[in-house]
PDB file of N, CA and C in Angstrom:
ATOM      1  N   UNK A   1    -130.575 -34.301 152.854  1.00  0.00           N
ATOM      2  CA  UNK A   1    -130.920 -32.897 152.926  1.00  0.00           C
ATOM      3  C   UNK A   1    -130.482 -32.350 154.281  1.00  0.00           C
ATOM      4  N   UNK A   2    -129.917 -31.175 154.245  1.00  0.00           N
ATOM      5  CA  UNK A   2    -129.489 -30.537 155.484  1.00  0.00           C
ATOM      6  C   UNK A   2    -130.692 -30.179 156.336  1.00  0.00           C
ATOM      7  N   UNK A   3    -130.416 -29.782 157.556  1.00  0.00           N
ATOM      8  CA  UNK A   3    -131.472 -29.385 158.485  1.00  0.00           C
ATOM      9  C   UNK A   3    -132.248 -28.195 157.924  1.00  0.00           C
ATOM     10  N   UNK A   4    -133.576 -28.283 157.866  1.00  0.00           N
ATOM     11  CA  UNK A   4    -134.359 -27.170 157.309  1.00  0.00           C
ATOM     12  C   UNK A   4    -134.323 -25.944 158.232  1.00  0.00           C
ATOM     13  N   UNK A   5    -134.191 -24.787 157.619  1.00  0.00           N
ATOM     14  CA  UNK A   5    -134.196 -23.533 158.354  1.00  0.00           C
ATOM     15  C   UNK A   5    -135.246 -22.607 157.758  1.00  0.00           C
ATOM     16  N   UNK A   6    -135.574 -21.612 158.521  1.00  0.00           N
ATOM     17  CA  UNK A   6    -136.531 -20.617 158.051  1.00  0.00           C
ATOM     18  C   UNK A   6    -135.960 -19.837 156.870  1.00  0.00           C
ATOM     19  N   UNK A   7    -134.640 -19.775 156.774  1.00  0.00           N
ATOM     20  CA  UNK A   7    -133.979 -19.061 155.681  1.00  0.00           C
ATOM     21  C   UNK A   7    -134.331 -19.681 154.325  1.00  0.00           C
ATOM     22  N   UNK A   8    -134.391 -20.993 154.270  1.00  0.00           N
ATOM     23  CA  UNK A   8    -134.719 -21.671 153.009  1.00  0.00           C
ATOM     24  C   UNK A   8    -136.152 -21.368 152.578  1.00  0.00           C
ATOM     25  N   UNK A   9    -137.059 -21.290 153.533  1.00  0.00           N
ATOM     26  CA  UNK A   9    -138.441 -20.932 153.211  1.00  0.00           C
ATOM     27  C   UNK A   9    -138.511 -19.476 152.766  1.00  0.00           C
ATOM     28  N   UNK A  10    -137.739 -18.609 153.419  1.00  0.00           N
ATOM     29  CA  UNK A  10    -137.740 -17.190 153.070  1.00  0.00           C
ATOM     30  C   UNK A  10    -137.204 -16.966 151.656  1.00  0.00           C
ATOM     31  N   UNK A  11    -136.278 -17.789 151.206  1.00  0.00           N
ATOM     32  CA  UNK A  11    -135.809 -17.696 149.820  1.00  0.00           C
ATOM     33  C   UNK A  11    -136.970 -17.938 148.853  1.00  0.00           C
ATOM     34  N   UNK A  12    -137.773 -18.942 149.128  1.00  0.00           N
ATOM     35  CA  UNK A  12    -138.929 -19.229 148.286  1.00  0.00           C
ATOM     36  C   UNK A  12    -139.965 -18.120 148.333  1.00  0.00           C
ATOM     37  N   UNK A  13    -140.147 -17.531 149.513  1.00  0.00           N
ATOM     38  CA  UNK A  13    -141.098 -16.422 149.646  1.00  0.00           C
ATOM     39  C   UNK A  13    -140.622 -15.223 148.842  1.00  0.00           C
ATOM     40  N   UNK A  14    -139.324 -14.931 148.876  1.00  0.00           N
ATOM     41  CA  UNK A  14    -138.813 -13.792 148.110  1.00  0.00           C
ATOM     42  C   UNK A  14    -138.962 -14.027 146.613  1.00  0.00           C
ATOM     43  N   UNK A  15    -138.781 -15.264 146.177  1.00  0.00           N
ATOM     44  CA  UNK A  15    -138.981 -15.578 144.763  1.00  0.00           C
ATOM     45  C   UNK A  15    -140.445 -15.442 144.379  1.00  0.00           C
ATOM     46  N   UNK A  16    -141.336 -15.922 145.250  1.00  0.00           N
ATOM     47  CA  UNK A  16    -142.772 -15.831 144.960  1.00  0.00           C
ATOM     48  C   UNK A  16    -143.229 -14.375 144.916  1.00  0.00           C
ATOM     49  N   UNK A  17    -142.747 -13.561 145.835  1.00  0.00           N
ATOM     50  CA  UNK A  17    -143.102 -12.139 145.832  1.00  0.00           C
ATOM     51  C   UNK A  17    -142.620 -11.469 144.549  1.00  0.00           C
ATOM     52  N   UNK A  18    -141.415 -11.800 144.122  1.00  0.00           N
ATOM     53  CA  UNK A  18    -140.885 -11.214 142.888  1.00  0.00           C
ATOM     54  C   UNK A  18    -141.732 -11.599 141.681  1.00  0.00           C
ATOM     55  N   UNK A  19    -142.106 -12.864 141.599  1.00  0.00           N
ATOM     56  CA  UNK A  19    -142.903 -13.313 140.466  1.00  0.00           C
ATOM     57  C   UNK A  19    -144.276 -12.652 140.467  1.00  0.00           C
ATOM     58  N   UNK A  20    -144.920 -12.594 141.628  1.00  0.00           N
ATOM     59  CA  UNK A  20    -146.247 -11.981 141.720  1.00  0.00           C
ATOM     60  C   UNK A  20    -146.178 -10.500 141.382  1.00  0.00           C
ATOM     61  N   UNK A  21    -145.192  -9.800 141.918  1.00  0.00           N
ATOM     62  CA  UNK A  21    -145.053  -8.362 141.675  1.00  0.00           C
ATOM     63  C   UNK A  21    -144.794  -8.062 140.199  1.00  0.00           C
ATOM     64  N   UNK A  22    -143.876  -8.789 139.593  1.00  0.00           N
ATOM     65  CA  UNK A  22    -143.551  -8.559 138.185  1.00  0.00           C
ATOM     66  C   UNK A  22    -144.736  -8.929 137.290  1.00  0.00           C
ATOM     67  N   UNK A  23    -145.432  -9.990 137.624  1.00  0.00           N
ATOM     68  CA  UNK A  23    -146.606 -10.375 136.825  1.00  0.00           C
ATOM     69  C   UNK A  23    -147.704  -9.319 136.945  1.00  0.00           C
ATOM     70  N   UNK A  24    -147.911  -8.787 138.147  1.00  0.00           N
ATOM     71  CA  UNK A  24    -148.908  -7.735 138.332  1.00  0.00           C
ATOM     72  C   UNK A  24    -148.555  -6.498 137.512  1.00  0.00           C
ATOM     73  N   UNK A  25    -147.288  -6.103 137.558  1.00  0.00           N
ATOM     74  CA  UNK A  25    -146.855  -4.937 136.779  1.00  0.00           C
ATOM     75  C   UNK A  25    -147.035  -5.200 135.289  1.00  0.00           C
ATOM     76  N   UNK A  26    -146.673  -6.394 134.861  1.00  0.00           N
ATOM     77  CA  UNK A  26    -146.767  -6.735 133.440  1.00  0.00           C
ATOM     78  C   UNK A  26    -148.215  -6.752 132.953  1.00  0.00           C
ATOM     79  N   UNK A  27    -149.132  -7.206 133.769  1.00  0.00           N
ATOM     80  CA  UNK A  27    -150.525  -7.329 133.342  1.00  0.00           C
ATOM     81  C   UNK A  27    -151.290  -6.026 133.511  1.00  0.00           C
ATOM     82  N   UNK A  28    -151.132  -5.348 134.642  1.00  0.00           N
ATOM     83  CA  UNK A  28    -152.006  -4.217 134.959  1.00  0.00           C
ATOM     84  C   UNK A  28    -151.372  -2.830 134.796  1.00  0.00           C
ATOM     85  N   UNK A  29    -150.069  -2.729 134.818  1.00  0.00           N
ATOM     86  CA  UNK A  29    -149.436  -1.408 134.765  1.00  0.00           C
ATOM     87  C   UNK A  29    -148.805  -1.146 133.407  1.00  0.00           C
ATOM     88  N   UNK A  30    -147.878  -2.003 133.018  1.00  0.00           N
ATOM     89  CA  UNK A  30    -147.129  -1.779 131.784  1.00  0.00           C
ATOM     90  C   UNK A  30    -146.736  -3.126 131.190  1.00  0.00           C
ATOM     91  N   UNK A  31    -147.120  -3.370 129.964  1.00  0.00           N
ATOM     92  CA  UNK A  31    -146.769  -4.614 129.301  1.00  0.00           C
ATOM     93  C   UNK A  31    -145.296  -4.578 128.900  1.00  0.00           C
ATOM     94  N   UNK A  32    -144.523  -5.474 129.483  1.00  0.00           N
ATOM     95  CA  UNK A  32    -143.071  -5.470 129.273  1.00  0.00           C
ATOM     96  C   UNK A  32    -142.656  -6.597 128.323  1.00  0.00           C
ATOM     97  N   UNK A  33    -141.486  -6.430 127.744  1.00  0.00           N
ATOM     98  CA  UNK A  33    -140.876  -7.465 126.920  1.00  0.00           C
ATOM     99  C   UNK A  33    -140.527  -8.642 127.842  1.00  0.00           C
ATOM    100  N   UNK A  34    -140.692  -9.880 127.379  1.00  0.00           N
ATOM    101  CA  UNK A  34    -140.449 -11.045 128.250  1.00  0.00           C
ATOM    102  C   UNK A  34    -139.040 -11.106 128.851  1.00  0.00           C
ATOM    103  N   UNK A  35    -138.028 -10.695 128.107  1.00  0.00           N
ATOM    104  CA  UNK A  35    -136.661 -10.718 128.645  1.00  0.00           C
ATOM    105  C   UNK A  35    -136.529  -9.717 129.784  1.00  0.00           C
ATOM    106  N   UNK A  36    -137.100  -8.532 129.619  1.00  0.00           N
ATOM    107  CA  UNK A  36    -137.056  -7.532 130.682  1.00  0.00           C
ATOM    108  C   UNK A  36    -137.831  -8.011 131.908  1.00  0.00           C
ATOM    109  N   UNK A  37    -138.948  -8.686 131.686  1.00  0.00           N
ATOM    110  CA  UNK A  37    -139.738  -9.232 132.786  1.00  0.00           C
ATOM    111  C   UNK A  37    -138.920 -10.248 133.577  1.00  0.00           C
ATOM    112  N   UNK A  38    -138.240 -11.121 132.868  1.00  0.00           N
ATOM    113  CA  UNK A  38    -137.404 -12.126 133.516  1.00  0.00           C
ATOM    114  C   UNK A  38    -136.275 -11.484 134.312  1.00  0.00           C
ATOM    115  N   UNK A  39    -135.600 -10.515 133.706  1.00  0.00           N
ATOM    116  CA  UNK A  39    -134.497  -9.847 134.403  1.00  0.00           C
ATOM    117  C   UNK A  39    -134.980  -9.080 135.628  1.00  0.00           C
ATOM    118  N   UNK A  40    -136.145  -8.456 135.542  1.00  0.00           N
ATOM    119  CA  UNK A  40    -136.699  -7.742 136.682  1.00  0.00           C
ATOM    120  C   UNK A  40    -137.056  -8.710 137.812  1.00  0.00           C
ATOM    121  N   UNK A  41    -137.623  -9.851 137.472  1.00  0.00           N
ATOM    122  CA  UNK A  41    -137.948 -10.860 138.489  1.00  0.00           C
ATOM    123  C   UNK A  41    -136.685 -11.387 139.169  1.00  0.00           C
ATOM    124  N   UNK A  42    -135.637 -11.606 138.387  1.00  0.00           N
ATOM    125  CA  UNK A  42    -134.363 -12.065 138.950  1.00  0.00           C
ATOM    126  C   UNK A  42    -133.779 -11.011 139.873  1.00  0.00           C
ATOM    127  N   UNK A  43    -133.845  -9.747 139.478  1.00  0.00           N
ATOM    128  CA  UNK A  43    -133.307  -8.661 140.302  1.00  0.00           C
ATOM    129  C   UNK A  43    -134.066  -8.524 141.619  1.00  0.00           C
ATOM    130  N   UNK A  44    -135.387  -8.589 141.562  1.00  0.00           N
ATOM    131  CA  UNK A  44    -136.180  -8.474 142.796  1.00  0.00           C
ATOM    132  C   UNK A  44    -135.930  -9.679 143.702  1.00  0.00           C
ATOM    133  N   UNK A  45    -135.787 -10.864 143.131  1.00  0.00           N
ATOM    134  CA  UNK A  45    -135.457 -12.047 143.921  1.00  0.00           C
ATOM    135  C   UNK A  45    -134.095 -11.892 144.574  1.00  0.00           C
ATOM    136  N   UNK A  46    -133.134 -11.365 143.834  1.00  0.00           N
ATOM    137  CA  UNK A  46    -131.798 -11.128 144.377  1.00  0.00           C
ATOM    138  C   UNK A  46    -131.845 -10.158 145.557  1.00  0.00           C
ATOM    139  N   UNK A  47    -132.636  -9.094 145.443  1.00  0.00           N
ATOM    140  CA  UNK A  47    -132.776  -8.152 146.555  1.00  0.00           C
ATOM    141  C   UNK A  47    -133.395  -8.825 147.777  1.00  0.00           C
ATOM    142  N   UNK A  48    -134.399  -9.664 147.548  1.00  0.00           N
ATOM    143  CA  UNK A  48    -135.020 -10.393 148.646  1.00  0.00           C
ATOM    144  C   UNK A  48    -134.052 -11.341 149.333  1.00  0.00           C
ATOM    145  N   UNK A  49    -133.241 -12.037 148.559  1.00  0.00           N
ATOM    146  CA  UNK A  49    -132.259 -12.963 149.123  1.00  0.00           C
ATOM    147  C   UNK A  49    -131.194 -12.199 149.897  1.00  0.00           C
ATOM    148  N   UNK A  50    -130.782 -11.038 149.401  1.00  0.00           N
ATOM    149  CA  UNK A  50    -129.825 -10.219 150.146  1.00  0.00           C
ATOM    150  C   UNK A  50    -130.406  -9.805 151.492  1.00  0.00           C
ATOM    151  N   UNK A  51    -131.695  -9.427 151.515  1.00  0.00           N
ATOM    152  CA  UNK A  51    -132.345  -9.046 152.767  1.00  0.00           C
ATOM    153  C   UNK A  51    -132.393 -10.226 153.729  1.00  0.00           C
ATOM    154  N   UNK A  52    -132.727 -11.408 153.225  1.00  0.00           N
ATOM    155  CA  UNK A  52    -132.807 -12.603 154.073  1.00  0.00           C
ATOM    156  C   UNK A  52    -131.440 -12.950 154.643  1.00  0.00           C
ATOM    157  N   UNK A  53    -130.397 -12.845 153.832  1.00  0.00           N
ATOM    158  CA  UNK A  53    -129.053 -13.177 154.301  1.00  0.00           C
ATOM    159  C   UNK A  53    -128.544 -12.208 155.356  1.00  0.00           C
ATOM    160  N   UNK A  54    -128.970 -10.968 155.305  1.00  0.00           N
ATOM    161  CA  UNK A  54    -128.512  -9.982 156.280  1.00  0.00           C
ATOM    162  C   UNK A  54    -129.252 -10.065 157.605  1.00  0.00           C
ATOM    163  N   UNK A  55    -130.426 -10.665 157.608  1.00  0.00           N
ATOM    164  CA  UNK A  55    -131.232 -10.744 158.815  1.00  0.00           C
ATOM    165  C   UNK A  55    -130.956 -12.078 159.517  1.00  0.00           C
ATOM    166  N   UNK A  56    -130.532 -12.020 160.762  1.00  0.00           N
ATOM    167  CA  UNK A  56    -130.143 -13.229 161.498  1.00  0.00           C
ATOM    168  C   UNK A  56    -131.322 -14.047 162.010  1.00  0.00           C
ATOM    169  N   UNK A  57    -132.508 -13.467 162.087  1.00  0.00           N
ATOM    170  CA  UNK A  57    -133.627 -14.224 162.652  1.00  0.00           C
ATOM    171  C   UNK A  57    -134.122 -15.337 161.722  1.00  0.00           C
ATOM    172  N   UNK A  58    -133.683 -15.344 160.465  1.00  0.00           N
ATOM    173  CA  UNK A  58    -134.078 -16.397 159.536  1.00  0.00           C
ATOM    174  C   UNK A  58    -133.218 -17.657 159.676  1.00  0.00           C
ATOM    175  N   UNK A  59    -132.229 -17.648 160.559  1.00  0.00           N
ATOM    176  CA  UNK A  59    -131.371 -18.814 160.746  1.00  0.00           C
ATOM    177  C   UNK A  59    -131.971 -19.852 161.688  1.00  0.00           C
ATOM    178  N   UNK A  60    -133.205 -19.669 162.125  1.00  0.00           N
ATOM    179  CA  UNK A  60    -133.851 -20.614 163.036  1.00  0.00           C
ATOM    180  C   UNK A  60    -134.076 -21.954 162.353  1.00  0.00           C
ATOM    181  N   UNK A  61    -133.810 -23.016 163.081  1.00  0.00           N
ATOM    182  CA  UNK A  61    -134.104 -24.348 162.564  1.00  0.00           C
ATOM    183  C   UNK A  61    -135.582 -24.639 162.816  1.00  0.00           C
ATOM    184  N   UNK A  62    -136.211 -25.285 161.840  1.00  0.00           N
ATOM    185  CA  UNK A  62    -137.622 -25.653 161.962  1.00  0.00           C
ATOM    186  C   UNK A  62    -137.759 -27.134 161.647  1.00  0.00           C
ATOM    187  N   UNK A  63    -138.867 -27.710 162.051  1.00  0.00           N
ATOM    188  CA  UNK A  63    -139.087 -29.136 161.791  1.00  0.00           C
ATOM    189  C   UNK A  63    -139.328 -29.357 160.296  1.00  0.00           C
ATOM    190  N   UNK A  64    -139.078 -30.573 159.881  1.00  0.00           N
ATOM    191  CA  UNK A  64    -139.257 -30.907 158.465  1.00  0.00           C
ATOM    192  C   UNK A  64    -140.727 -30.791 158.053  1.00  0.00           C
ATOM    193  N   UNK A  65    -141.633 -31.133 158.964  1.00  0.00           N
ATOM    194  CA  UNK A  65    -143.062 -31.022 158.666  1.00  0.00           C
ATOM    195  C   UNK A  65    -143.458 -29.565 158.466  1.00  0.00           C
ATOM    196  N   UNK A  66    -143.001 -28.688 159.361  1.00  0.00           N
ATOM    197  CA  UNK A  66    -143.295 -27.265 159.236  1.00  0.00           C
ATOM    198  C   UNK A  66    -142.681 -26.699 157.959  1.00  0.00           C
ATOM    199  N   UNK A  67    -141.473 -27.136 157.638  1.00  0.00           N
ATOM    200  CA  UNK A  67    -140.789 -26.715 156.419  1.00  0.00           C
ATOM    201  C   UNK A  67    -141.611 -27.092 155.181  1.00  0.00           C
ATOM    202  N   UNK A  68    -142.077 -28.332 155.131  1.00  0.00           N
ATOM    203  CA  UNK A  68    -142.864 -28.783 153.983  1.00  0.00           C
ATOM    204  C   UNK A  68    -144.209 -28.069 153.890  1.00  0.00           C
ATOM    205  N   UNK A  69    -144.855 -27.841 155.035  1.00  0.00           N
ATOM    206  CA  UNK A  69    -146.131 -27.137 155.028  1.00  0.00           C
ATOM    207  C   UNK A  69    -145.972 -25.684 154.572  1.00  0.00           C
ATOM    208  N   UNK A  70    -144.929 -25.017 155.047  1.00  0.00           N
ATOM    209  CA  UNK A  70    -144.696 -23.634 154.625  1.00  0.00           C
ATOM    210  C   UNK A  70    -144.386 -23.547 153.140  1.00  0.00           C
ATOM    211  N   UNK A  71    -143.597 -24.484 152.628  1.00  0.00           N
ATOM    212  CA  UNK A  71    -143.295 -24.489 151.198  1.00  0.00           C
ATOM    213  C   UNK A  71    -144.549 -24.767 150.374  1.00  0.00           C
ATOM    214  N   UNK A  72    -145.390 -25.669 150.838  1.00  0.00           N
ATOM    215  CA  UNK A  72    -146.651 -25.950 150.130  1.00  0.00           C
ATOM    216  C   UNK A  72    -147.545 -24.713 150.142  1.00  0.00           C
ATOM    217  N   UNK A  73    -147.585 -24.003 151.252  1.00  0.00           N
ATOM    218  CA  UNK A  73    -148.376 -22.785 151.346  1.00  0.00           C
ATOM    219  C   UNK A  73    -147.862 -21.715 150.384  1.00  0.00           C
ATOM    220  N   UNK A  74    -146.550 -21.572 150.287  1.00  0.00           N
ATOM    221  CA  UNK A  74    -145.961 -20.593 149.366  1.00  0.00           C
ATOM    222  C   UNK A  74    -146.324 -20.932 147.927  1.00  0.00           C
ATOM    223  N   UNK A  75    -146.223 -22.191 147.558  1.00  0.00           N
ATOM    224  CA  UNK A  75    -146.559 -22.607 146.192  1.00  0.00           C
ATOM    225  C   UNK A  75    -148.047 -22.400 145.915  1.00  0.00           C
ATOM    226  N   UNK A  76    -148.901 -22.704 146.898  1.00  0.00           N
ATOM    227  CA  UNK A  76    -150.343 -22.516 146.730  1.00  0.00           C
ATOM    228  C   UNK A  76    -150.680 -21.039 146.541  1.00  0.00           C
ATOM    229  N   UNK A  77    -150.105 -20.174 147.367  1.00  0.00           N
ATOM    230  CA  UNK A  77    -150.350 -18.731 147.250  1.00  0.00           C
ATOM    231  C   UNK A  77    -149.830 -18.212 145.916  1.00  0.00           C
ATOM    232  N   UNK A  78    -148.663 -18.671 145.490  1.00  0.00           N
ATOM    233  CA  UNK A  78    -148.115 -18.268 144.202  1.00  0.00           C
ATOM    234  C   UNK A  78    -149.041 -18.674 143.068  1.00  0.00           C
ATOM    235  N   UNK A  79    -149.552 -19.884 143.109  1.00  0.00           N
ATOM    236  CA  UNK A  79    -150.459 -20.385 142.076  1.00  0.00           C
ATOM    237  C   UNK A  79    -151.741 -19.560 142.029  1.00  0.00           C
ATOM    238  N   UNK A  80    -152.367 -19.344 143.164  1.00  0.00           N
ATOM    239  CA  UNK A  80    -153.621 -18.582 143.234  1.00  0.00           C
ATOM    240  C   UNK A  80    -153.406 -17.143 142.792  1.00  0.00           C
ATOM    241  N   UNK A  81    -152.353 -16.498 143.282  1.00  0.00           N
ATOM    242  CA  UNK A  81    -152.093 -15.097 142.944  1.00  0.00           C
ATOM    243  C   UNK A  81    -151.781 -14.928 141.466  1.00  0.00           C
ATOM    244  N   UNK A  82    -150.993 -15.833 140.902  1.00  0.00           N
ATOM    245  CA  UNK A  82    -150.605 -15.720 139.504  1.00  0.00           C
ATOM    246  C   UNK A  82    -151.824 -15.752 138.588  1.00  0.00           C
ATOM    247  N   UNK A  83    -152.736 -16.672 138.836  1.00  0.00           N
ATOM    248  CA  UNK A  83    -153.899 -16.803 137.954  1.00  0.00           C
ATOM    249  C   UNK A  83    -154.994 -15.779 138.278  1.00  0.00           C
ATOM    250  N   UNK A  84    -155.058 -15.312 139.506  1.00  0.00           N
ATOM    251  CA  UNK A  84    -156.059 -14.283 139.811  1.00  0.00           C
ATOM    252  C   UNK A  84    -155.631 -12.925 139.256  1.00  0.00           C
ATOM    253  N   UNK A  85    -154.352 -12.679 139.149  1.00  0.00           N
ATOM    254  CA  UNK A  85    -153.870 -11.434 138.535  1.00  0.00           C
ATOM    255  C   UNK A  85    -154.191 -11.421 137.047  1.00  0.00           C
ATOM    256  N   UNK A  86    -154.098 -12.559 136.406  1.00  0.00           N
ATOM    257  CA  UNK A  86    -154.319 -12.640 134.960  1.00  0.00           C
ATOM    258  C   UNK A  86    -155.776 -12.404 134.572  1.00  0.00           C
ATOM    259  N   UNK A  87    -156.698 -12.548 135.500  1.00  0.00           N
ATOM    260  CA  UNK A  87    -158.111 -12.375 135.155  1.00  0.00           C
ATOM    261  C   UNK A  87    -158.556 -10.958 135.281  1.00  0.00           C
TER     262      UNK A  87
END
């Protein structure tokens, strides 16, 4: 595995934000067709990745331990948010 950078964590954060946002809209605002939901999540993730790629401060190298902890935190927040929105 290459040297971990903050950019790789930011990619996961942008994906998690897209999933949480689309799920919230689907549950509480407007019930969407599953294909449209998927395409909207992909589009929002793409916008997030474009933002991360344009910003140079995400190119910082971080330790592998910090990288793993941040990724675990992102997955935990995604899990909690996804199921709390559904209730």
